[in-house]
Amino acid sequence: MDGIGIGIDWDETKEPAYRDGRRAGERREEAESNPHASGSDDHRLWQAGHASVTAPDVVANKIGDFA
């Protein structure tokens, strides 16, 4: 399966941990609020879900700093 990013496949975006991470990002929770054990697959998926929401904001803020 082709990945959509390093370490994540399209099918994994349907996993509960990924969706929970997206919801946390939408609620503007910090990345440190990941409830899964560090190094676990659920931790990785939660991080990916969270980043899918928050990464565009981080990039926009960095671009704005130089504009």
Protein backbone atom coordinates (compact mmCIF):
# COMPACT_ATOMS: atom_id res chain seq x y z
CA MET A 1 0.00 0.00 0.00
CA ASP A 2 1.30 3.46 -0.84
CA GLY A 3 1.83 5.63 2.20
CA ILE A 4 0.52 9.17 2.55
CA GLY A 5 3.46 10.11 4.73
CA ILE A 6 6.36 8.49 6.47
CA GLY A 7 5.06 5.53 8.44
CA ILE A 8 1.34 5.78 7.66
CA ASP A 9 -0.84 4.11 5.03
CA TRP A 10 -4.22 5.25 3.75
CA ASP A 11 -5.91 2.37 5.57
CA GLU A 12 -4.46 3.55 8.87
CA THR A 13 -6.41 6.81 8.64
CA LYS A 14 -9.49 4.76 9.51
CA GLU A 15 -8.01 3.55 12.79
CA PRO A 16 -9.54 4.89 16.03
CA ALA A 17 -6.21 6.24 17.32
CA TYR A 18 -5.69 8.29 14.13
CA ARG A 19 -9.21 9.69 14.31
CA ASP A 20 -8.78 10.51 18.01
CA GLY A 21 -5.61 12.41 17.19
CA ARG A 22 -7.41 14.39 14.50
CA ARG A 23 -10.20 15.27 16.92
CA ALA A 24 -7.64 16.38 19.51
CA GLY A 25 -5.99 18.61 16.92
CA GLU A 26 -9.35 20.10 15.98
CA ARG A 27 -9.94 20.85 19.67
CA ARG A 28 -6.51 22.55 19.72
CA GLU A 29 -5.15 20.13 22.30
CA GLU A 30 -1.39 19.97 22.63
CA ALA A 31 0.54 17.11 21.04
CA GLU A 32 1.72 16.14 24.51
CA SER A 33 -1.83 15.06 25.37
CA ASN A 34 -1.36 11.83 23.39
CA PRO A 35 -2.85 9.18 25.72
CA HIS A 36 -1.05 6.20 24.15
CA ALA A 37 2.18 4.60 25.31
CA SER A 38 5.22 6.13 23.62
CA GLY A 39 6.52 3.91 20.84
CA SER A 40 3.23 2.07 20.30
CA ASP A 41 1.39 1.95 16.99
CA ASP A 42 -1.53 3.81 18.56
CA HIS A 43 0.85 6.56 19.73
CA ARG A 44 2.23 6.90 16.18
CA LEU A 45 -1.25 6.95 14.64
CA TRP A 46 -2.53 9.50 17.17
CA GLN A 47 0.47 11.74 16.38
CA ALA A 48 -0.16 11.44 12.65
CA GLY A 49 -3.83 12.31 13.08
CA HIS A 50 -2.98 15.28 15.28
CA ALA A 51 -0.35 16.53 12.83
CA SER A 52 -2.75 16.22 9.90
CA VAL A 53 -4.76 19.02 11.52
CA THR A 54 -2.07 21.12 13.19
CA ALA A 55 0.85 20.95 10.72
CA PRO A 56 -0.71 23.38 8.20
CA ASP A 57 -1.04 25.99 10.99
CA VAL A 58 2.58 25.54 12.01
CA VAL A 59 3.78 26.03 8.43
CA ALA A 60 1.54 29.09 7.94
CA ASN A 61 2.85 30.65 11.14
CA LYS A 62 6.45 30.13 10.07
CA ILE A 63 5.76 31.65 6.63
CA GLY A 64 3.98 34.57 8.28
CA ASP A 65 7.05 35.29 10.38
CA PHE A 66 9.02 36.04 7.20
CA ALA A 67 6.32 37.87 5.27
